[in-house]
Structures are given as C-alpha cells and as structure tokens.
N, C-alpha and C. Protein backbone atom coordinates (compact mmCIF):
# COMPACT_ATOMS: atom_id res chain seq x y z
N UNK A 1 64.50 72.85 29.87
CA UNK A 1 65.14 72.52 28.60
C UNK A 1 66.58 72.05 28.82
N UNK A 2 67.28 72.68 29.75
CA UNK A 2 68.65 72.31 30.04
C UNK A 2 68.72 70.87 30.56
N UNK A 3 67.75 70.50 31.39
CA UNK A 3 67.71 69.15 31.92
C UNK A 3 67.51 68.13 30.80
N UNK A 4 66.68 68.45 29.83
CA UNK A 4 66.44 67.57 28.69
C UNK A 4 67.72 67.40 27.88
N UNK A 5 68.44 68.48 27.66
CA UNK A 5 69.70 68.41 26.92
C UNK A 5 70.72 67.54 27.65
N UNK A 6 70.80 67.69 28.96
CA UNK A 6 71.72 66.88 29.75
C UNK A 6 71.35 65.40 29.69
N UNK A 7 70.05 65.13 29.73
CA UNK A 7 69.58 63.75 29.65
C UNK A 7 69.93 63.14 28.29
N UNK A 8 69.70 63.91 27.24
CA UNK A 8 70.02 63.43 25.89
C UNK A 8 71.51 63.21 25.74
N UNK A 9 72.33 64.12 26.26
CA UNK A 9 73.78 63.96 26.18
C UNK A 9 74.22 62.72 26.95
N UNK A 10 73.61 62.50 28.10
CA UNK A 10 73.96 61.32 28.90
C UNK A 10 73.63 60.04 28.14
N UNK A 11 72.47 60.01 27.51
CA UNK A 11 72.07 58.84 26.73
C UNK A 11 73.03 58.63 25.56
N UNK A 12 73.39 59.70 24.89
CA UNK A 12 74.33 59.60 23.76
C UNK A 12 75.69 59.09 24.24
N UNK A 13 76.14 59.57 25.40
CA UNK A 13 77.41 59.09 25.96
C UNK A 13 77.34 57.60 26.27
N UNK A 14 76.22 57.16 26.80
CA UNK A 14 76.04 55.74 27.09
C UNK A 14 76.08 54.90 25.81
N UNK A 15 75.42 55.38 24.78
CA UNK A 15 75.44 54.66 23.50
C UNK A 15 76.85 54.64 22.91
N UNK A 16 77.60 55.72 23.07
CA UNK A 16 78.98 55.75 22.58
C UNK A 16 79.82 54.71 23.32
N UNK A 17 79.62 54.61 24.63
CA UNK A 17 80.35 53.60 25.41
C UNK A 17 79.98 52.19 24.97
N UNK A 18 78.71 51.95 24.78
CA UNK A 18 78.24 50.63 24.33
C UNK A 18 78.82 50.31 22.96
N UNK A 19 78.83 51.29 22.08
CA UNK A 19 79.38 51.08 20.74
C UNK A 19 80.86 50.72 20.80
N UNK A 20 81.61 51.40 21.65
CA UNK A 20 83.04 51.11 21.80
C UNK A 20 83.26 49.70 22.33
N UNK A 21 82.45 49.30 23.29
CA UNK A 21 82.57 47.95 23.85
C UNK A 21 82.25 46.90 22.79
N UNK A 22 81.21 47.13 22.02
CA UNK A 22 80.84 46.17 20.97
C UNK A 22 81.91 46.09 19.88
N UNK A 23 82.51 47.22 19.53
CA UNK A 23 83.57 47.22 18.53
C UNK A 23 84.78 46.43 19.03
N UNK A 24 85.14 46.63 20.29
CA UNK A 24 86.27 45.90 20.86
C UNK A 24 85.96 44.40 20.90
N UNK A 25 84.76 44.05 21.26
CA UNK A 25 84.37 42.64 21.31
C UNK A 25 84.38 42.01 19.92
N UNK A 26 83.95 42.77 18.93
CA UNK A 26 83.97 42.29 17.56
C UNK A 26 85.40 42.00 17.10
N UNK A 27 86.31 42.92 17.43
CA UNK A 27 87.72 42.70 17.06
C UNK A 27 88.28 41.47 17.76
N UNK A 28 87.90 41.28 19.03
CA UNK A 28 88.35 40.12 19.78
C UNK A 28 87.85 38.83 19.13
N UNK A 29 86.60 38.81 18.72
CA UNK A 29 86.04 37.63 18.08
C UNK A 29 86.71 37.36 16.73
N UNK A 30 87.03 38.43 15.99
CA UNK A 30 87.73 38.26 14.72
C UNK A 30 89.10 37.63 14.93
N UNK A 31 89.82 38.10 15.96
CA UNK A 31 91.14 37.53 16.26
C UNK A 31 91.01 36.08 16.68
N UNK A 32 90.00 35.78 17.47
CA UNK A 32 89.80 34.40 17.93
C UNK A 32 89.49 33.49 16.74
N UNK A 33 88.68 33.96 15.81
CA UNK A 33 88.34 33.16 14.63
C UNK A 33 89.59 32.90 13.79
N UNK A 34 90.42 33.92 13.62
CA UNK A 34 91.66 33.75 12.86
C UNK A 34 92.58 32.75 13.57
N UNK A 35 92.68 32.86 14.89
CA UNK A 35 93.50 31.94 15.66
C UNK A 35 92.99 30.51 15.51
N UNK A 36 91.68 30.33 15.60
CA UNK A 36 91.10 28.99 15.45
C UNK A 36 91.42 28.40 14.08
N UNK A 37 91.37 29.22 13.04
CA UNK A 37 91.68 28.73 11.69
C UNK A 37 93.16 28.35 11.59
N UNK A 38 94.04 29.16 12.20
CA UNK A 38 95.46 28.84 12.17
C UNK A 38 95.75 27.53 12.90
N UNK A 39 95.11 27.34 14.05
CA UNK A 39 95.30 26.10 14.81
C UNK A 39 94.76 24.91 14.03
N UNK A 40 93.62 25.07 13.40
CA UNK A 40 93.05 23.99 12.60
C UNK A 40 94.00 23.60 11.48
N UNK A 41 94.59 24.58 10.83
CA UNK A 41 95.55 24.32 9.76
C UNK A 41 96.76 23.55 10.29
N UNK A 42 97.27 23.96 11.44
CA UNK A 42 98.42 23.27 12.03
C UNK A 42 98.08 21.83 12.40
N UNK A 43 96.91 21.63 12.97
CA UNK A 43 96.49 20.27 13.33
C UNK A 43 96.37 19.40 12.09
N UNK A 44 95.77 19.96 11.04
CA UNK A 44 95.63 19.19 9.80
C UNK A 44 96.99 18.86 9.19
N UNK A 45 97.94 19.79 9.27
CA UNK A 45 99.29 19.52 8.77
C UNK A 45 99.96 18.41 9.56
N UNK A 46 99.79 18.43 10.87
CA UNK A 46 100.37 17.38 11.71
C UNK A 46 99.75 16.03 11.36
N UNK A 47 98.44 15.99 11.22
CA UNK A 47 97.78 14.74 10.85
C UNK A 47 98.26 14.25 9.50
N UNK A 48 98.38 15.16 8.54
CA UNK A 48 98.83 14.79 7.19
C UNK A 48 100.25 14.25 7.24
N UNK A 49 101.13 14.92 7.97
CA UNK A 49 102.52 14.47 8.08
C UNK A 49 102.62 13.12 8.78
N UNK A 50 101.80 12.91 9.79
CA UNK A 50 101.81 11.64 10.51
C UNK A 50 101.36 10.53 9.57
N UNK A 51 100.33 10.80 8.77
CA UNK A 51 99.82 9.80 7.84
C UNK A 51 100.87 9.48 6.76
N UNK A 52 101.57 10.50 6.29
CA UNK A 52 102.57 10.28 5.23
C UNK A 52 103.78 9.53 5.75
N UNK A 53 104.07 9.63 7.03
CA UNK A 53 105.25 8.97 7.60
C UNK A 53 104.98 7.54 8.03
N UNK A 54 103.75 7.07 7.92
CA UNK A 54 103.44 5.69 8.32
C UNK A 54 103.80 4.73 7.25
C-alpha cells in the first residue's frame, strides 16, 4: 500500500510540474501576442505618417 501511495504522489508531482510549465508557456504566449499587436500598431502608424507626408 505504501508503494502505491508513493507512486500516486510521484504522478501527482509530475502533473503539478507539467501544469506549472504549461502556465508559464501560456503567459509567455500572451506576452508575445501583446508584443505583436503593439508592433503592428507601430508599423501601421509609421505607414500612415509616411502616407500623410507624401
């Protein structure tokens, strides 16, 4: 029975680690998406300003 409990605890620990990695990756992707939107906005502003100055 003790061996079963240790196995279950080990599996739970592995799932906790996987969950933490996925959460960190999700936050990274959210930051990347925000950055991409900010860059897109800046590029569009530059294009707009270039067009207005012609």
